[in-house]
Amino acid sequence: GIAISPNLYIAVGISGAIQHLAGVSSSKVIVVINKDPEA
């Protein structure tokens, strides 16, 4: 999709597959909200 590099990335209900991480890993700060502690 679109590769982004924001100052703050808030991921809600996203497990974090490697393909997703590849497009957002340049974010300065990443906040994750997920009910699965093993995500």
ModelCIF file with pLDDT and N, C-alpha, C, O atoms, coordinates in Angstrom:
data_MODEL
#
_entry.id   MODEL 
#
_entity.id                         1 
_entity.type                       polymer 
_entity.pdbx_number_of_molecules   1 
#
_entity_poly.entity_id                      1 
_entity_poly.type                           'polypeptide(L)' 
_entity_poly.nstd_linkage                   no 
_entity_poly.nstd_monomer                   no 
_entity_poly.pdbx_seq_one_letter_code       GIAISPNLYIAVGISGAIQHLAGVSSSKVIVVINKDPEA 
_entity_poly.pdbx_seq_one_letter_code_can   GIAISPNLYIAVGISGAIQHLAGVSSSKVIVVINKDPEA 
_entity_poly.pdbx_strand_id                 A 
#
loop_
_entity_poly_seq.entity_id 
_entity_poly_seq.num 
_entity_poly_seq.mon_id 
_entity_poly_seq.hetero 
1 1  GLY n 
1 2  ILE n 
1 3  ALA n 
1 4  ILE n 
1 5  SER n 
1 6  PRO n 
1 7  ASN n 
1 8  LEU n 
1 9  TYR n 
1 10 ILE n 
1 11 ALA n 
1 12 VAL n 
1 13 GLY n 
1 14 ILE n 
1 15 SER n 
1 16 GLY n 
1 17 ALA n 
1 18 ILE n 
1 19 GLN n 
1 20 HIS n 
1 21 LEU n 
1 22 ALA n 
1 23 GLY n 
1 24 VAL n 
1 25 SER n 
1 26 SER n 
1 27 SER n 
1 28 LYS n 
1 29 VAL n 
1 30 ILE n 
1 31 VAL n 
1 32 VAL n 
1 33 ILE n 
1 34 ASN n 
1 35 LYS n 
1 36 ASP n 
1 37 PRO n 
1 38 GLU n 
1 39 ALA n 
#
_struct_asym.id          A 
_struct_asym.entity_id   1 
#
loop_
_ma_qa_metric.id 
_ma_qa_metric.mode 
_ma_qa_metric.name 
_ma_qa_metric.software_group_id 
_ma_qa_metric.type 
1 global pLDDT . pLDDT 
2 local  pLDDT . pLDDT 
#
_ma_qa_metric_global.metric_id      1 
_ma_qa_metric_global.metric_value   93.44 
_ma_qa_metric_global.model_id       1 
_ma_qa_metric_global.ordinal_id     1 
#
loop_
_ma_qa_metric_local.label_asym_id 
_ma_qa_metric_local.label_comp_id 
_ma_qa_metric_local.label_seq_id 
_ma_qa_metric_local.metric_id 
_ma_qa_metric_local.metric_value 
_ma_qa_metric_local.model_id 
_ma_qa_metric_local.ordinal_id 
A GLY 1  2 89.00 1 1  
A ILE 2  2 88.00 1 2  
A ALA 3  2 86.00 1 3  
A ILE 4  2 90.00 1 4  
A SER 5  2 88.00 1 5  
A PRO 6  2 92.00 1 6  
A ASN 7  2 93.00 1 7  
A LEU 8  2 97.00 1 8  
A TYR 9  2 97.00 1 9  
A ILE 10 2 98.00 1 10 
A ALA 11 2 98.00 1 11 
A VAL 12 2 98.00 1 12 
A GLY 13 2 97.00 1 13 
A ILE 14 2 97.00 1 14 
A SER 15 2 96.00 1 15 
A GLY 16 2 94.00 1 16 
A ALA 17 2 92.00 1 17 
A ILE 18 2 90.00 1 18 
A GLN 19 2 90.00 1 19 
A HIS 20 2 94.00 1 20 
A LEU 21 2 92.00 1 21 
A ALA 22 2 88.00 1 22 
A GLY 23 2 88.00 1 23 
A VAL 24 2 92.00 1 24 
A SER 25 2 88.00 1 25 
A SER 26 2 85.00 1 26 
A SER 27 2 91.00 1 27 
A LYS 28 2 91.00 1 28 
A VAL 29 2 96.00 1 29 
A ILE 30 2 97.00 1 30 
A VAL 31 2 98.00 1 31 
A VAL 32 2 98.00 1 32 
A ILE 33 2 98.00 1 33 
A ASN 34 2 98.00 1 34 
A LYS 35 2 96.00 1 35 
A ASP 36 2 96.00 1 36 
A PRO 37 2 96.00 1 37 
A GLU 38 2 96.00 1 38 
A ALA 39 2 96.00 1 39 
#
loop_
_atom_site.group_PDB 
_atom_site.id 
_atom_site.type_symbol 
_atom_site.label_atom_id 
_atom_site.label_alt_id 
_atom_site.label_comp_id 
_atom_site.label_asym_id 
_atom_site.label_entity_id 
_atom_site.label_seq_id 
_atom_site.pdbx_PDB_ins_code 
_atom_site.Cartn_x 
_atom_site.Cartn_y 
_atom_site.Cartn_z 
_atom_site.occupancy 
_atom_site.B_iso_or_equiv 
_atom_site.pdbx_formal_charge 
_atom_site.auth_seq_id 
_atom_site.auth_comp_id 
_atom_site.auth_asym_id 
_atom_site.auth_atom_id 
_atom_site.pdbx_PDB_model_num 
ATOM 1   N N  . GLY A 1 1  ? 0.829  -1.196  0.000  1.00 89.00 ? 1  GLY A N  1 
ATOM 2   C CA . GLY A 1 1  ? 0.000  0.000   0.000  1.00 89.00 ? 1  GLY A CA 1 
ATOM 3   C C  . GLY A 1 1  ? 0.863  1.245   0.000  1.00 89.00 ? 1  GLY A C  1 
ATOM 4   O O  . GLY A 1 1  ? 1.812  1.350   -0.776 1.00 89.00 ? 1  GLY A O  1 
ATOM 5   N N  . ILE A 1 2  ? 0.537  2.182   0.864  1.00 88.00 ? 2  ILE A N  1 
ATOM 6   C CA . ILE A 1 2  ? 1.286  3.426   0.975  1.00 88.00 ? 2  ILE A CA 1 
ATOM 7   C C  . ILE A 1 2  ? 2.293  3.303   2.114  1.00 88.00 ? 2  ILE A C  1 
ATOM 8   O O  . ILE A 1 2  ? 1.936  2.923   3.229  1.00 88.00 ? 2  ILE A O  1 
ATOM 9   N N  . ALA A 1 3  ? 3.535  3.621   1.830  1.00 86.00 ? 3  ALA A N  1 
ATOM 10  C CA . ALA A 1 3  ? 4.564  3.646   2.872  1.00 86.00 ? 3  ALA A CA 1 
ATOM 11  C C  . ALA A 1 3  ? 4.546  5.024   3.526  1.00 86.00 ? 3  ALA A C  1 
ATOM 12  O O  . ALA A 1 3  ? 4.566  6.041   2.833  1.00 86.00 ? 3  ALA A O  1 
ATOM 13  N N  . ILE A 1 4  ? 4.508  5.059   4.841  1.00 90.00 ? 4  ILE A N  1 
ATOM 14  C CA . ILE A 1 4  ? 4.394  6.333   5.553  1.00 90.00 ? 4  ILE A CA 1 
ATOM 15  C C  . ILE A 1 4  ? 5.490  6.452   6.615  1.00 90.00 ? 4  ILE A C  1 
ATOM 16  O O  . ILE A 1 4  ? 6.088  5.457   7.022  1.00 90.00 ? 4  ILE A O  1 
ATOM 17  N N  . SER A 1 5  ? 5.737  7.667   7.046  1.00 88.00 ? 5  SER A N  1 
ATOM 18  C CA . SER A 1 5  ? 6.740  7.903   8.091  1.00 88.00 ? 5  SER A CA 1 
ATOM 19  C C  . SER A 1 5  ? 6.301  9.052   8.992  1.00 88.00 ? 5  SER A C  1 
ATOM 20  O O  . SER A 1 5  ? 7.004  10.057  9.097  1.00 88.00 ? 5  SER A O  1 
ATOM 21  N N  . PRO A 1 6  ? 5.143  8.914   9.644  1.00 92.00 ? 6  PRO A N  1 
ATOM 22  C CA . PRO A 1 6  ? 4.652  9.994   10.499 1.00 92.00 ? 6  PRO A CA 1 
ATOM 23  C C  . PRO A 1 6  ? 5.455  10.099  11.800 1.00 92.00 ? 6  PRO A C  1 
ATOM 24  O O  . PRO A 1 6  ? 6.253  9.222   12.129 1.00 92.00 ? 6  PRO A O  1 
ATOM 25  N N  . ASN A 1 7  ? 5.226  11.178  12.520 1.00 93.00 ? 7  ASN A N  1 
ATOM 26  C CA . ASN A 1 7  ? 5.847  11.321  13.835 1.00 93.00 ? 7  ASN A CA 1 
ATOM 27  C C  . ASN A 1 7  ? 5.185  10.385  14.841 1.00 93.00 ? 7  ASN A C  1 
ATOM 28  O O  . ASN A 1 7  ? 5.827  9.914   15.780 1.00 93.00 ? 7  ASN A O  1 
ATOM 29  N N  . LEU A 1 8  ? 3.888  10.120  14.636 1.00 97.00 ? 8  LEU A N  1 
ATOM 30  C CA . LEU A 1 8  ? 3.147  9.229   15.538 1.00 97.00 ? 8  LEU A CA 1 
ATOM 31  C C  . LEU A 1 8  ? 2.210  8.334   14.736 1.00 97.00 ? 8  LEU A C  1 
ATOM 32  O O  . LEU A 1 8  ? 1.397  8.827   13.953 1.00 97.00 ? 8  LEU A O  1 
ATOM 33  N N  . TYR A 1 9  ? 2.319  7.028   14.927 1.00 97.00 ? 9  TYR A N  1 
ATOM 34  C CA . TYR A 1 9  ? 1.443  6.057   14.262 1.00 97.00 ? 9  TYR A CA 1 
ATOM 35  C C  . TYR A 1 9  ? 0.705  5.262   15.339 1.00 97.00 ? 9  TYR A C  1 
ATOM 36  O O  . TYR A 1 9  ? 1.336  4.587   16.152 1.00 97.00 ? 9  TYR A O  1 
ATOM 37  N N  . ILE A 1 10 ? -0.617 5.338   15.348 1.00 98.00 ? 10 ILE A N  1 
ATOM 38  C CA . ILE A 1 10 ? -1.440 4.631   16.319 1.00 98.00 ? 10 ILE A CA 1 
ATOM 39  C C  . ILE A 1 10 ? -2.156 3.491   15.597 1.00 98.00 ? 10 ILE A C  1 
ATOM 40  O O  . ILE A 1 10 ? -2.996 3.734   14.730 1.00 98.00 ? 10 ILE A O  1 
ATOM 41  N N  . ALA A 1 11 ? -1.827 2.259   15.949 1.00 98.00 ? 11 ALA A N  1 
ATOM 42  C CA . ALA A 1 11 ? -2.404 1.075   15.300 1.00 98.00 ? 11 ALA A CA 1 
ATOM 43  C C  . ALA A 1 11 ? -3.434 0.454   16.235 1.00 98.00 ? 11 ALA A C  1 
ATOM 44  O O  . ALA A 1 11 ? -3.115 0.051   17.354 1.00 98.00 ? 11 ALA A O  1 
ATOM 45  N N  . VAL A 1 12 ? -4.661 0.382   15.764 1.00 98.00 ? 12 VAL A N  1 
ATOM 46  C CA . VAL A 1 12 ? -5.762 -0.136  16.584 1.00 98.00 ? 12 VAL A CA 1 
ATOM 47  C C  . VAL A 1 12 ? -6.275 -1.446  15.985 1.00 98.00 ? 12 VAL A C  1 
ATOM 48  O O  . VAL A 1 12 ? -6.777 -1.461  14.861 1.00 98.00 ? 12 VAL A O  1 
ATOM 49  N N  . GLY A 1 13 ? -6.151 -2.528  16.721 1.00 97.00 ? 13 GLY A N  1 
ATOM 50  C CA . GLY A 1 13 ? -6.668 -3.808  16.241 1.00 97.00 ? 13 GLY A CA 1 
ATOM 51  C C  . GLY A 1 13 ? -5.930 -4.364  15.050 1.00 97.00 ? 13 GLY A C  1 
ATOM 52  O O  . GLY A 1 13 ? -6.524 -5.054  14.221 1.00 97.00 ? 13 GLY A O  1 
ATOM 53  N N  . ILE A 1 14 ? -4.617 -4.072  14.944 1.00 97.00 ? 14 ILE A N  1 
ATOM 54  C CA . ILE A 1 14 ? -3.782 -4.576  13.857 1.00 97.00 ? 14 ILE A CA 1 
ATOM 55  C C  . ILE A 1 14 ? -2.725 -5.485  14.462 1.00 97.00 ? 14 ILE A C  1 
ATOM 56  O O  . ILE A 1 14 ? -1.999 -5.073  15.367 1.00 97.00 ? 14 ILE A O  1 
ATOM 57  N N  . SER A 1 15 ? -2.631 -6.710  13.977 1.00 96.00 ? 15 SER A N  1 
ATOM 58  C CA . SER A 1 15 ? -1.710 -7.678  14.576 1.00 96.00 ? 15 SER A CA 1 
ATOM 59  C C  . SER A 1 15 ? -0.251 -7.349  14.277 1.00 96.00 ? 15 SER A C  1 
ATOM 60  O O  . SER A 1 15 ? 0.627  -7.578  15.109 1.00 96.00 ? 15 SER A O  1 
ATOM 61  N N  . GLY A 1 16 ? 0.005  -6.807  13.080 1.00 94.00 ? 16 GLY A N  1 
ATOM 62  C CA . GLY A 1 16 ? 1.369  -6.417  12.736 1.00 94.00 ? 16 GLY A CA 1 
ATOM 63  C C  . GLY A 1 16 ? 2.093  -7.409  11.856 1.00 94.00 ? 16 GLY A C  1 
ATOM 64  O O  . GLY A 1 16 ? 3.222  -7.798  12.155 1.00 94.00 ? 16 GLY A O  1 
ATOM 65  N N  . ALA A 1 17 ? 1.454  -7.824  10.771 1.00 92.00 ? 17 ALA A N  1 
ATOM 66  C CA . ALA A 1 17 ? 2.116  -8.712  9.808  1.00 92.00 ? 17 ALA A CA 1 
ATOM 67  C C  . ALA A 1 17 ? 3.313  -7.986  9.209  1.00 92.00 ? 17 ALA A C  1 
ATOM 68  O O  . ALA A 1 17 ? 3.338  -6.757  9.157  1.00 92.00 ? 17 ALA A O  1 
ATOM 69  N N  . ILE A 1 18 ? 4.306  -8.750  8.755  1.00 90.00 ? 18 ILE A N  1 
ATOM 70  C CA . ILE A 1 18 ? 5.554  -8.167  8.268  1.00 90.00 ? 18 ILE A CA 1 
ATOM 71  C C  . ILE A 1 18 ? 5.316  -7.215  7.109  1.00 90.00 ? 18 ILE A C  1 
ATOM 72  O O  . ILE A 1 18 ? 6.032  -6.223  6.969  1.00 90.00 ? 18 ILE A O  1 
ATOM 73  N N  . GLN A 1 19 ? 4.313  -7.503  6.268  1.00 90.00 ? 19 GLN A N  1 
ATOM 74  C CA . GLN A 1 19 ? 4.024  -6.627  5.129  1.00 90.00 ? 19 GLN A CA 1 
ATOM 75  C C  . GLN A 1 19 ? 3.506  -5.268  5.601  1.00 90.00 ? 19 GLN A C  1 
ATOM 76  O O  . GLN A 1 19 ? 3.790  -4.236  4.993  1.00 90.00 ? 19 GLN A O  1 
ATOM 77  N N  . HIS A 1 20 ? 2.742  -5.286  6.693  1.00 94.00 ? 20 HIS A N  1 
ATOM 78  C CA . HIS A 1 20 ? 2.234  -4.022  7.231  1.00 94.00 ? 20 HIS A CA 1 
ATOM 79  C C  . HIS A 1 20 ? 3.377  -3.237  7.871  1.00 94.00 ? 20 HIS A C  1 
ATOM 80  O O  . HIS A 1 20 ? 3.510  -2.031  7.662  1.00 94.00 ? 20 HIS A O  1 
ATOM 81  N N  . LEU A 1 21 ? 4.189  -3.930  8.646  1.00 92.00 ? 21 LEU A N  1 
ATOM 82  C CA . LEU A 1 21 ? 5.309  -3.281  9.325  1.00 92.00 ? 21 LEU A CA 1 
ATOM 83  C C  . LEU A 1 21 ? 6.259  -2.614  8.336  1.00 92.00 ? 21 LEU A C  1 
ATOM 84  O O  . LEU A 1 21 ? 6.830  -1.563  8.627  1.00 92.00 ? 21 LEU A O  1 
ATOM 85  N N  . ALA A 1 22 ? 6.424  -3.228  7.171  1.00 88.00 ? 22 ALA A N  1 
ATOM 86  C CA . ALA A 1 22 ? 7.343  -2.690  6.170  1.00 88.00 ? 22 ALA A CA 1 
ATOM 87  C C  . ALA A 1 22 ? 6.942  -1.291  5.725  1.00 88.00 ? 22 ALA A C  1 
ATOM 88  O O  . ALA A 1 22 ? 7.796  -0.486  5.354  1.00 88.00 ? 22 ALA A O  1 
ATOM 89  N N  . GLY A 1 23 ? 5.656  -1.001  5.761  1.00 88.00 ? 23 GLY A N  1 
ATOM 90  C CA . GLY A 1 23 ? 5.185  0.305   5.295  1.00 88.00 ? 23 GLY A CA 1 
ATOM 91  C C  . GLY A 1 23 ? 5.076  1.358   6.369  1.00 88.00 ? 23 GLY A C  1 
ATOM 92  O O  . GLY A 1 23 ? 4.862  2.529   6.057  1.00 88.00 ? 23 GLY A O  1 
ATOM 93  N N  . VAL A 1 24 ? 5.219  0.975   7.645  1.00 92.00 ? 24 VAL A N  1 
ATOM 94  C CA . VAL A 1 24 ? 5.031  1.942   8.736  1.00 92.00 ? 24 VAL A CA 1 
ATOM 95  C C  . VAL A 1 24 ? 6.224  2.007   9.691  1.00 92.00 ? 24 VAL A C  1 
ATOM 96  O O  . VAL A 1 24 ? 6.227  2.811   10.624 1.00 92.00 ? 24 VAL A O  1 
ATOM 97  N N  . SER A 1 25 ? 7.228  1.172   9.464  1.00 88.00 ? 25 SER A N  1 
ATOM 98  C CA . SER A 1 25 ? 8.336  1.070   10.418 1.00 88.00 ? 25 SER A CA 1 
ATOM 99  C C  . SER A 1 25 ? 9.188  2.334   10.504 1.00 88.00 ? 25 SER A C  1 
ATOM 100 O O  . SER A 1 25 ? 9.971  2.489   11.442 1.00 88.00 ? 25 SER A O  1 
ATOM 101 N N  . SER A 1 26 ? 9.043  3.244   9.528  1.00 85.00 ? 26 SER A N  1 
ATOM 102 C CA . SER A 1 26 ? 9.799  4.497   9.580  1.00 85.00 ? 26 SER A CA 1 
ATOM 103 C C  . SER A 1 26 ? 9.133  5.532   10.483 1.00 85.00 ? 26 SER A C  1 
ATOM 104 O O  . SER A 1 26 ? 9.650  6.638   10.642 1.00 85.00 ? 26 SER A O  1 
ATOM 105 N N  . SER A 1 27 ? 7.990  5.182   11.076 1.00 91.00 ? 27 SER A N  1 
ATOM 106 C CA . SER A 1 27 ? 7.306  6.098   11.993 1.00 91.00 ? 27 SER A CA 1 
ATOM 107 C C  . SER A 1 27 ? 8.211  6.367   13.194 1.00 91.00 ? 27 SER A C  1 
ATOM 108 O O  . SER A 1 27 ? 8.880  5.460   13.688 1.00 91.00 ? 27 SER A O  1 
ATOM 109 N N  . LYS A 1 28 ? 8.230  7.606   13.657 1.00 91.00 ? 28 LYS A N  1 
ATOM 110 C CA . LYS A 1 28 ? 9.111  7.951   14.779 1.00 91.00 ? 28 LYS A CA 1 
ATOM 111 C C  . LYS A 1 28 ? 8.630  7.300   16.079 1.00 91.00 ? 28 LYS A C  1 
ATOM 112 O O  . LYS A 1 28 ? 9.440  6.793   16.856 1.00 91.00 ? 28 LYS A O  1 
ATOM 113 N N  . VAL A 1 29 ? 7.319  7.312   16.316 1.00 96.00 ? 29 VAL A N  1 
ATOM 114 C CA . VAL A 1 29 ? 6.746  6.685   17.511 1.00 96.00 ? 29 VAL A CA 1 
ATOM 115 C C  . VAL A 1 29 ? 5.558  5.825   17.083 1.00 96.00 ? 29 VAL A C  1 
ATOM 116 O O  . VAL A 1 29 ? 4.677  6.288   16.358 1.00 96.00 ? 29 VAL A O  1 
ATOM 117 N N  . ILE A 1 30 ? 5.540  4.571   17.538 1.00 97.00 ? 30 ILE A N  1 
ATOM 118 C CA . ILE A 1 30 ? 4.452  3.645   17.211 1.00 97.00 ? 30 ILE A CA 1 
ATOM 119 C C  . ILE A 1 30 ? 3.726  3.250   18.494 1.00 97.00 ? 30 ILE A C  1 
ATOM 120 O O  . ILE A 1 30 ? 4.341  2.791   19.457 1.00 97.00 ? 30 ILE A O  1 
ATOM 121 N N  . VAL A 1 31 ? 2.411  3.437   18.488 1.00 98.00 ? 31 VAL A N  1 
ATOM 122 C CA . VAL A 1 31 ? 1.560  3.040   19.612 1.00 98.00 ? 31 VAL A CA 1 
ATOM 123 C C  . VAL A 1 31 ? 0.620  1.947   19.128 1.00 98.00 ? 31 VAL A C  1 
ATOM 124 O O  . VAL A 1 31 ? -0.071 2.117   18.124 1.00 98.00 ? 31 VAL A O  1 
ATOM 125 N N  . VAL A 1 32 ? 0.593  0.829   19.839 1.00 98.00 ? 32 VAL A N  1 
ATOM 126 C CA . VAL A 1 32 ? -0.236 -0.309  19.436 1.00 98.00 ? 32 VAL A CA 1 
ATOM 127 C C  . VAL A 1 32 ? -1.300 -0.584  20.489 1.00 98.00 ? 32 VAL A C  1 
ATOM 128 O O  . VAL A 1 32 ? -1.014 -0.648  21.684 1.00 98.00 ? 32 VAL A O  1 
ATOM 129 N N  . ILE A 1 33 ? -2.535 -0.745  20.018 1.00 98.00 ? 33 ILE A N  1 
ATOM 130 C CA . ILE A 1 33 ? -3.658 -1.117  20.890 1.00 98.00 ? 33 ILE A CA 1 
ATOM 131 C C  . ILE A 1 33 ? -4.211 -2.439  20.369 1.00 98.00 ? 33 ILE A C  1 
ATOM 132 O O  . ILE A 1 33 ? -4.747 -2.497  19.262 1.00 98.00 ? 33 ILE A O  1 
ATOM 133 N N  . ASN A 1 34 ? -4.083 -3.499  21.165 1.00 98.00 ? 34 ASN A N  1 
ATOM 134 C CA . ASN A 1 34 ? -4.523 -4.820  20.732 1.00 98.00 ? 34 ASN A CA 1 
ATOM 135 C C  . ASN A 1 34 ? -4.803 -5.678  21.957 1.00 98.00 ? 34 ASN A C  1 
ATOM 136 O O  . ASN A 1 34 ? -4.071 -5.621  22.945 1.00 98.00 ? 34 ASN A O  1 
ATOM 137 N N  . LYS A 1 35 ? -5.862 -6.470  21.887 1.00 96.00 ? 35 LYS A N  1 
ATOM 138 C CA . LYS A 1 35 ? -6.204 -7.297  23.051 1.00 96.00 ? 35 LYS A CA 1 
ATOM 139 C C  . LYS A 1 35 ? -5.372 -8.576  23.123 1.00 96.00 ? 35 LYS A C  1 
ATOM 140 O O  . LYS A 1 35 ? -5.390 -9.276  24.135 1.00 96.00 ? 35 LYS A O  1 
ATOM 141 N N  . ASP A 1 36 ? -4.637 -8.882  22.037 1.00 96.00 ? 36 ASP A N  1 
ATOM 142 C CA . ASP A 1 36 ? -3.775 -10.064 22.027 1.00 96.00 ? 36 ASP A CA 1 
ATOM 143 C C  . ASP A 1 36 ? -2.364 -9.673  22.470 1.00 96.00 ? 36 ASP A C  1 
ATOM 144 O O  . ASP A 1 36 ? -1.666 -8.986  21.725 1.00 96.00 ? 36 ASP A O  1 
ATOM 145 N N  . PRO A 1 37 ? -1.929 -10.085 23.649 1.00 96.00 ? 37 PRO A N  1 
ATOM 146 C CA . PRO A 1 37 ? -0.596 -9.692  24.124 1.00 96.00 ? 37 PRO A CA 1 
ATOM 147 C C  . PRO A 1 37 ? 0.542  -10.276 23.291 1.00 96.00 ? 37 PRO A C  1 
ATOM 148 O O  . PRO A 1 37 ? 1.681  -9.820  23.386 1.00 96.00 ? 37 PRO A O  1 
ATOM 149 N N  . GLU A 1 38 ? 0.231  -11.298 22.466 1.00 96.00 ? 38 GLU A N  1 
ATOM 150 C CA . GLU A 1 38 ? 1.254  -11.930 21.627 1.00 96.00 ? 38 GLU A CA 1 
ATOM 151 C C  . GLU A 1 38 ? 1.286  -11.353 20.213 1.00 96.00 ? 38 GLU A C  1 
ATOM 152 O O  . GLU A 1 38 ? 2.004  -11.864 19.354 1.00 96.00 ? 38 GLU A O  1 
ATOM 153 N N  . ALA A 1 39 ? 0.524  -10.306 19.967 1.00 96.00 ? 39 ALA A N  1 
ATOM 154 C CA . ALA A 1 39 ? 0.503  -9.694  18.632 1.00 96.00 ? 39 ALA A CA 1 
ATOM 155 C C  . ALA A 1 39 ? 1.915  -9.234  18.255 1.00 96.00 ? 39 ALA A C  1 
ATOM 156 O O  . ALA A 1 39 ? 2.118  -8.691  17.169 1.00 96.00 ? 39 ALA A O  1 
#
